Amino acid sequence: MPRPTAAQLSYGSVTVVFSTLAMLLLFRTSSDLGIVAIAAAGLALGLLVAVTVPAPARRRTTPTGATASAHQDARPAQEPGDRAVGQVQRTIPAARTSSSARVGEHSLRH
């Protein structure tokens, strides 16, 4: 049996508290048997809500344990000679053409 998620625990707990409080105020019972019946109904309702909260979808795994999406996103390794010169040049930042534009700026080095 899988462990309950945080959402299931919180929704179930909130349902128990609020439904029990609402039923106690609605029925205005003062007998011990009535209070026990309302508490049991609140617990049953909280359990029902906790069980019906949808569980998060599990990721599909491959036989090696890696996720299926990791295999779909994997690209074949390229040799260094396979890259075009244009692709390499796009990854290198362009150098500043003129340093005279920054002459008047303040420098932190003295």
C-alpha atoms as a PDB file:
ATOM      1  CA  MET A   1       0.000   0.000   0.000  1.00  0.00           C
ATOM      2  CA  PRO A   2       1.539   3.358  -0.989  1.00  0.00           C
ATOM      3  CA  ARG A   3       2.158   6.070   1.564  1.00  0.00           C
ATOM      4  CA  PRO A   4      -0.351   8.931   1.685  1.00  0.00           C
ATOM      5  CA  THR A   5       0.780  12.186   0.136  1.00  0.00           C
ATOM      6  CA  ALA A   6       0.868  15.515   1.946  1.00  0.00           C
ATOM      7  CA  ALA A   7      -2.244  16.620   0.073  1.00  0.00           C
ATOM      8  CA  GLN A   8      -4.152  13.532   1.173  1.00  0.00           C
ATOM      9  CA  LEU A   9      -3.157  14.037   4.801  1.00  0.00           C
ATOM     10  CA  SER A  10      -4.001  17.730   4.838  1.00  0.00           C
ATOM     11  CA  TYR A  11      -7.331  17.408   2.992  1.00  0.00           C
ATOM     12  CA  GLY A  12      -8.380  14.516   5.212  1.00  0.00           C
ATOM     13  CA  SER A  13      -7.414  16.319   8.422  1.00  0.00           C
ATOM     14  CA  VAL A  14      -9.151  19.536   7.445  1.00  0.00           C
ATOM     15  CA  THR A  15     -12.260  17.578   6.480  1.00  0.00           C
ATOM     16  CA  VAL A  16     -12.331  15.787   9.832  1.00  0.00           C
ATOM     17  CA  VAL A  17     -12.018  19.008  11.825  1.00  0.00           C
ATOM     18  CA  PHE A  18     -14.486  21.119   9.858  1.00  0.00           C
ATOM     19  CA  SER A  19     -17.087  18.425   9.272  1.00  0.00           C
ATOM     20  CA  THR A  20     -17.070  17.400  12.938  1.00  0.00           C
ATOM     21  CA  LEU A  21     -17.362  21.012  14.063  1.00  0.00           C
ATOM     22  CA  ALA A  22     -20.152  21.689  11.564  1.00  0.00           C
ATOM     23  CA  MET A  23     -22.125  18.592  12.599  1.00  0.00           C
ATOM     24  CA  LEU A  24     -21.727  19.407  16.302  1.00  0.00           C
ATOM     25  CA  LEU A  25     -23.046  22.918  15.692  1.00  0.00           C
ATOM     26  CA  LEU A  26     -25.792  21.731  13.352  1.00  0.00           C
ATOM     27  CA  PHE A  27     -27.189  18.937  15.519  1.00  0.00           C
ATOM     28  CA  ARG A  28     -26.546  20.672  18.874  1.00  0.00           C
ATOM     29  CA  THR A  29     -26.139  17.368  20.632  1.00  0.00           C
ATOM     30  CA  SER A  30     -24.997  17.187  24.235  1.00  0.00           C
ATOM     31  CA  SER A  31     -25.193  13.444  24.838  1.00  0.00           C
ATOM     32  CA  ASP A  32     -22.057  11.344  24.886  1.00  0.00           C
ATOM     33  CA  LEU A  33     -23.436   8.902  22.327  1.00  0.00           C
ATOM     34  CA  GLY A  34     -24.286  11.727  19.895  1.00  0.00           C
ATOM     35  CA  ILE A  35     -20.814  13.254  20.195  1.00  0.00           C
ATOM     36  CA  VAL A  36     -19.171   9.861  19.589  1.00  0.00           C
ATOM     37  CA  ALA A  37     -21.400   9.271  16.540  1.00  0.00           C
ATOM     38  CA  ILE A  38     -20.559  12.702  15.100  1.00  0.00           C
ATOM     39  CA  ALA A  39     -16.840  12.171  15.724  1.00  0.00           C
ATOM     40  CA  ALA A  40     -16.990   8.772  14.008  1.00  0.00           C
ATOM     41  CA  ALA A  41     -18.856  10.288  11.056  1.00  0.00           C
ATOM     42  CA  GLY A  42     -16.245  13.058  10.802  1.00  0.00           C
ATOM     43  CA  LEU A  43     -13.427  10.525  10.800  1.00  0.00           C
ATOM     44  CA  ALA A  44     -15.166   8.430   8.156  1.00  0.00           C
ATOM     45  CA  LEU A  45     -15.749  11.495   5.984  1.00  0.00           C
ATOM     46  CA  GLY A  46     -12.112  12.579   6.379  1.00  0.00           C
ATOM     47  CA  LEU A  47     -10.925   9.116   5.408  1.00  0.00           C
ATOM     48  CA  LEU A  48     -13.177   9.153   2.364  1.00  0.00           C
ATOM     49  CA  VAL A  49     -11.826  12.538   1.256  1.00  0.00           C
ATOM     50  CA  ALA A  50      -8.213  11.483   1.829  1.00  0.00           C
ATOM     51  CA  VAL A  51      -8.648   8.326  -0.228  1.00  0.00           C
ATOM     52  CA  THR A  52     -10.375  10.071  -3.128  1.00  0.00           C
ATOM     53  CA  VAL A  53      -7.757  12.826  -3.532  1.00  0.00           C
ATOM     54  CA  PRO A  54      -5.977  11.967  -6.782  1.00  0.00           C
ATOM     55  CA  ALA A  55      -2.470  10.680  -6.269  1.00  0.00           C
ATOM     56  CA  PRO A  56       0.326  12.257  -8.320  1.00  0.00           C
ATOM     57  CA  ALA A  57       1.040  10.495 -11.591  1.00  0.00           C
ATOM     58  CA  ARG A  58       4.042   8.242 -11.472  1.00  0.00           C
ATOM     59  CA  ARG A  59       6.759   8.526 -14.062  1.00  0.00           C
ATOM     60  CA  ARG A  60       7.265   5.592 -16.332  1.00  0.00           C
ATOM     61  CA  THR A  61      10.644   3.973 -15.898  1.00  0.00           C
ATOM     62  CA  THR A  62      12.678   1.895 -18.282  1.00  0.00           C
ATOM     63  CA  PRO A  63      14.208  -1.447 -17.261  1.00  0.00           C
ATOM     64  CA  THR A  64      17.471   0.309 -16.311  1.00  0.00           C
ATOM     65  CA  GLY A  65      15.651   2.615 -13.896  1.00  0.00           C
ATOM     66  CA  ALA A  66      16.010   5.809 -15.898  1.00  0.00           C
ATOM     67  CA  THR A  67      12.876   7.735 -16.734  1.00  0.00           C
ATOM     68  CA  ALA A  68      11.400   7.403 -20.187  1.00  0.00           C
ATOM     69  CA  SER A  69      11.622  11.146 -20.756  1.00  0.00           C
ATOM     70  CA  ALA A  70      15.375  11.039 -20.195  1.00  0.00           C
ATOM     71  CA  HIS A  71      15.722   8.608 -23.086  1.00  0.00           C
ATOM     72  CA  GLN A  72      13.520  10.707 -25.325  1.00  0.00           C
ATOM     73  CA  ASP A  73      15.517  13.869 -24.610  1.00  0.00           C
ATOM     74  CA  ALA A  74      18.894  12.195 -25.084  1.00  0.00           C
ATOM     75  CA  ARG A  75      20.750  13.221 -28.199  1.00  0.00           C
ATOM     76  CA  PRO A  76      23.550  11.317 -29.835  1.00  0.00           C
ATOM     77  CA  ALA A  77      26.998  12.530 -28.870  1.00  0.00           C
ATOM     78  CA  GLN A  78      28.728  14.604 -31.510  1.00  0.00           C
ATOM     79  CA  GLU A  79      32.379  14.487 -32.275  1.00  0.00           C
ATOM     80  CA  PRO A  80      34.268  17.806 -31.996  1.00  0.00           C
ATOM     81  CA  GLY A  81      34.865  17.829 -35.730  1.00  0.00           C
ATOM     82  CA  ASP A  82      31.129  17.479 -36.474  1.00  0.00           C
ATOM     83  CA  ARG A  83      30.239  20.954 -35.270  1.00  0.00           C
ATOM     84  CA  ALA A  84      30.026  23.665 -37.811  1.00  0.00           C
ATOM     85  CA  VAL A  85      32.179  26.735 -37.319  1.00  0.00           C
ATOM     86  CA  GLY A  86      29.070  28.939 -37.233  1.00  0.00           C
ATOM     87  CA  GLN A  87      27.639  27.006 -34.281  1.00  0.00           C
ATOM     88  CA  VAL A  88      30.847  27.392 -32.299  1.00  0.00           C
ATOM     89  CA  GLN A  89      31.088  31.099 -33.067  1.00  0.00           C
ATOM     90  CA  ARG A  90      27.523  31.670 -31.854  1.00  0.00           C
ATOM     91  CA  THR A  91      28.441  30.350 -28.413  1.00  0.00           C
ATOM     92  CA  ILE A  92      31.461  32.662 -28.035  1.00  0.00           C
ATOM     93  CA  PRO A  93      30.514  36.149 -26.797  1.00  0.00           C
ATOM     94  CA  ALA A  94      31.460  39.003 -29.055  1.00  0.00           C
ATOM     95  CA  ALA A  95      34.367  41.204 -27.954  1.00  0.00           C
ATOM     96  CA  ARG A  96      33.889  44.922 -27.421  1.00  0.00           C
ATOM     97  CA  THR A  97      34.932  46.824 -30.478  1.00  0.00           C
ATOM     98  CA  SER A  98      35.808  50.099 -28.838  1.00  0.00           C
ATOM     99  CA  SER A  99      37.114  50.776 -25.356  1.00  0.00           C
ATOM    100  CA  SER A 100      36.751  54.556 -25.721  1.00  0.00           C
ATOM    101  CA  ALA A 101      33.027  54.305 -24.805  1.00  0.00           C
ATOM    102  CA  ARG A 102      33.932  53.239 -21.265  1.00  0.00           C
ATOM    103  CA  VAL A 103      36.715  55.735 -20.613  1.00  0.00           C
ATOM    104  CA  GLY A 104      34.527  58.051 -18.524  1.00  0.00           C
ATOM    105  CA  GLU A 105      33.006  55.295 -16.384  1.00  0.00           C
ATOM    106  CA  HIS A 106      33.997  54.874 -12.751  1.00  0.00           C
ATOM    107  CA  SER A 107      36.367  52.047 -11.970  1.00  0.00           C
ATOM    108  CA  LEU A 108      36.461  50.183  -8.690  1.00  0.00           C
ATOM    109  CA  ARG A 109      40.167  49.547  -9.101  1.00  0.00           C
ATOM    110  CA  HIS A 110      42.529  52.356  -8.155  1.00  0.00           C
END
